[in-house]
Structure formats: C-alpha cells, structure tokens
Amino acid sequence: MALIGGLVIGISACVASYRDHGYVPLPEDLAKIQVGSDTRESVTEKIGTPGTSGVLDKGGYYYVASRVRHYGARAPQVVSRELVAITFDSRDRVANIERYGLEDGRVIPLEKRVTDSGESERGLLRQLLGNLGRIGPGQLLNN
C-alpha cells in the first residue's frame, strides 16, 4: 500500500501545470480599432486598459500575455508570450497596431552598473584616520 501511495505521489509531482499571466485582446476586438481615427480613450473603451504604456505621456499601449509551464522541480519555462503594441501619432490617434510572439523576441542581458566610490578598497580604520587631517581648528570652533 505504501509503495502504491509513493508511486501515485511521484507521478503526480511530474505533471506539468500552466499559469497564464496578462491580457491580450482577441483579433476580433483589435479589428474594431480603426487606424487614424480611434484615440487613446476609444481604444481603452473598446479593448480595455493596457497592462503597460510607454514611459512618456505620449507613449504607446502594450498588452502582454504569457503562459508559463511549471514542471516538477525544474525552473519555470515560458511557453508562449504575445505582445500587442498600439502606437499613437502626435494627435493621439492610432498610428499602428502590431502583434509580436515569443519567436519575435530576443533575450536582453541585464547589466549591473554601479558607480564605484573608491571607498570600498580602503578599510574602516583607514577611512577614519584619513579624515583626521581634513578637520581644521576653525571648523571645530565655528560649529
């Protein structure tokens, strides 16, 4: 009985589970948007609020949906990703609607950029003793 119970638990741990994140409008809903005539407000009314918008006030709307596969003890893997980008012209009218998939993307390595102050190379005692010569008697009397 214990062997069968262990086998059932072992098999159930190896079943893949999927999680969906985000929202992308259906093609039928995107067909309702007219390039050159719809505005930001009408796009929001027709297909909903975007998950992300451009960094600037006049940036585009971005709708992103991902499907992630979780399988046992392995790291989660992105199975599909879809992005719909709606850009606007200077009059806030729809200029273009583009759809991208996971195959269109590319991996962008993140870099850690830290400005070195130069203090990390010197120990605490050296930093304290280095400040002794910088304090003049006039600074102590004026405070």
Protein backbone atom coordinates (compact mmCIF):
# COMPACT_ATOMS: atom_id res chain seq x y z
CA MET A 1 0.00 0.00 0.00
CA ALA A 2 2.88 2.40 0.85
CA LEU A 3 4.55 1.59 -2.46
CA ILE A 4 1.38 2.42 -4.40
CA GLY A 5 0.91 5.64 -2.41
CA GLY A 6 4.52 6.66 -3.08
CA LEU A 7 4.11 5.86 -6.77
CA VAL A 8 0.95 7.98 -7.04
CA ILE A 9 2.65 10.92 -5.31
CA GLY A 10 5.74 10.57 -7.50
CA ILE A 11 3.73 10.51 -10.71
CA SER A 12 1.54 13.45 -9.69
CA ALA A 13 4.65 15.55 -8.93
CA CYS A 14 5.75 15.17 -12.55
CA VAL A 15 2.56 16.56 -14.07
CA ALA A 16 3.08 19.88 -15.81
CA SER A 17 0.98 22.82 -14.65
CA TYR A 18 0.47 26.04 -16.57
CA ARG A 19 -0.08 29.60 -15.42
CA ASP A 20 -1.39 32.40 -17.58
CA HIS A 21 -0.37 36.00 -16.91
CA GLY A 22 -1.54 39.22 -18.52
CA TYR A 23 -4.11 40.06 -21.17
CA VAL A 24 -4.04 40.41 -24.95
CA PRO A 25 -7.17 41.46 -26.85
CA LEU A 26 -8.69 38.99 -29.29
CA PRO A 27 -8.16 39.61 -33.03
CA GLU A 28 -11.89 40.35 -33.38
CA ASP A 29 -11.60 43.11 -30.78
CA LEU A 30 -8.50 44.56 -32.44
CA ALA A 31 -10.39 44.65 -35.76
CA LYS A 32 -12.77 47.19 -34.18
CA ILE A 33 -9.94 49.72 -33.86
CA GLN A 34 -9.53 52.00 -36.88
CA VAL A 35 -6.01 53.25 -37.59
CA GLY A 36 -6.05 57.03 -37.99
CA SER A 37 -9.45 57.62 -36.40
CA ASP A 38 -9.51 55.98 -32.94
CA THR A 39 -7.97 57.82 -29.98
CA ARG A 40 -6.47 56.64 -26.70
CA GLU A 41 -9.84 56.92 -24.98
CA SER A 42 -11.72 54.97 -27.65
CA VAL A 43 -9.06 52.23 -27.63
CA THR A 44 -9.44 51.89 -23.86
CA GLU A 45 -13.23 51.70 -24.23
CA LYS A 46 -13.07 49.07 -27.00
CA ILE A 47 -10.40 46.67 -25.71
CA GLY A 48 -9.65 47.69 -22.14
CA THR A 49 -6.84 49.32 -20.21
CA PRO A 50 -3.34 48.27 -21.28
CA GLY A 51 -1.10 46.33 -18.94
CA THR A 52 1.74 48.71 -19.77
CA SER A 53 2.03 52.04 -21.50
CA GLY A 54 5.00 53.97 -22.82
CA VAL A 55 7.43 55.67 -20.48
CA LEU A 56 6.45 59.12 -21.66
CA ASP A 57 2.94 60.55 -21.54
CA LYS A 58 2.61 60.16 -25.29
CA GLY A 59 3.89 56.56 -25.35
CA GLY A 60 2.06 53.62 -26.86
CA TYR A 61 -0.16 50.98 -25.27
CA TYR A 62 1.21 47.49 -24.70
CA TYR A 63 -0.87 44.41 -23.95
CA VAL A 64 1.22 41.40 -22.86
CA ALA A 65 0.16 37.81 -22.10
CA SER A 66 2.44 34.94 -21.11
CA ARG A 67 1.93 31.25 -20.48
CA VAL A 68 4.44 29.66 -18.09
CA ARG A 69 4.95 25.92 -17.65
CA HIS A 70 5.85 24.58 -14.21
CA TYR A 71 7.14 21.00 -14.23
CA GLY A 72 8.30 19.30 -11.07
CA ALA A 73 11.45 20.75 -9.54
CA ARG A 74 12.60 22.33 -12.81
CA ALA A 75 12.72 26.09 -13.29
CA PRO A 76 9.54 27.59 -14.80
CA GLN A 77 9.68 27.91 -18.59
CA VAL A 78 7.87 30.50 -20.70
CA VAL A 79 5.94 28.51 -23.30
CA SER A 80 4.27 31.38 -25.13
CA ARG A 81 4.27 35.14 -24.97
CA GLU A 82 2.20 37.52 -27.02
CA LEU A 83 2.50 41.29 -27.18
CA VAL A 84 0.18 43.75 -28.90
CA ALA A 85 1.66 47.23 -29.36
CA ILE A 86 -0.58 50.13 -30.29
CA THR A 87 1.27 53.32 -31.17
CA PHE A 88 -0.22 56.79 -31.45
CA ASP A 89 0.68 59.80 -33.58
CA SER A 90 1.14 63.40 -32.42
CA ARG A 91 -2.66 63.95 -32.48
CA ASP A 92 -3.22 60.94 -30.14
CA ARG A 93 -4.76 58.90 -32.93
CA VAL A 94 -3.85 55.25 -33.54
CA ALA A 95 -0.85 55.11 -35.88
CA ASN A 96 -0.15 51.37 -35.92
CA ILE A 97 -1.16 48.05 -34.35
CA GLU A 98 1.49 45.34 -34.18
CA ARG A 99 1.43 41.82 -32.76
CA TYR A 100 4.57 40.01 -31.61
CA GLY A 101 5.11 36.47 -30.37
CA LEU A 102 7.79 34.74 -28.33
CA GLU A 103 9.64 33.87 -31.53
CA ASP A 104 9.96 37.60 -32.36
CA GLY A 105 11.64 38.45 -29.07
CA ARG A 106 15.26 38.30 -28.09
CA VAL A 107 16.99 37.86 -24.79
CA ILE A 108 18.45 41.07 -23.37
CA PRO A 109 21.11 40.50 -20.73
CA LEU A 110 20.81 42.83 -17.76
CA GLU A 111 23.93 44.60 -16.58
CA LYS A 112 24.71 45.70 -13.08
CA ARG A 113 26.02 49.23 -13.33
CA VAL A 114 27.30 50.62 -10.07
CA THR A 115 29.42 53.72 -9.73
CA ASP A 116 32.49 52.92 -7.67
CA SER A 117 33.15 55.48 -4.95
CA GLY A 118 36.67 54.18 -4.32
CA GLU A 119 35.92 53.81 -0.61
CA SER A 120 35.41 50.06 -0.78
CA GLU A 121 39.12 49.47 -1.32
CA ARG A 122 40.01 51.19 1.94
CA GLY A 123 39.17 49.67 5.29
CA LEU A 124 37.12 51.40 8.01
CA LEU A 125 40.15 52.32 10.13
CA ARG A 126 41.99 53.79 7.14
CA GLN A 127 38.93 55.88 6.24
CA LEU A 128 38.61 57.23 9.81
CA LEU A 129 42.31 58.05 10.08
CA GLY A 130 42.29 59.62 6.62
CA ASN A 131 39.67 62.15 7.78
CA LEU A 132 41.75 63.36 10.75
CA GLY A 133 43.93 65.62 8.62
CA ARG A 134 40.93 67.19 6.86
CA ILE A 135 39.41 68.74 10.01
CA GLY A 136 40.88 72.14 10.83
CA PRO A 137 40.62 74.01 14.16
CA GLY A 138 38.41 76.68 12.55
CA GLN A 139 35.78 74.07 11.66
CA LEU A 140 35.60 72.85 15.27
CA LEU A 141 35.26 76.36 16.73
CA ASN A 142 32.61 77.56 14.26
CA ASN A 143 30.24 74.67 14.99
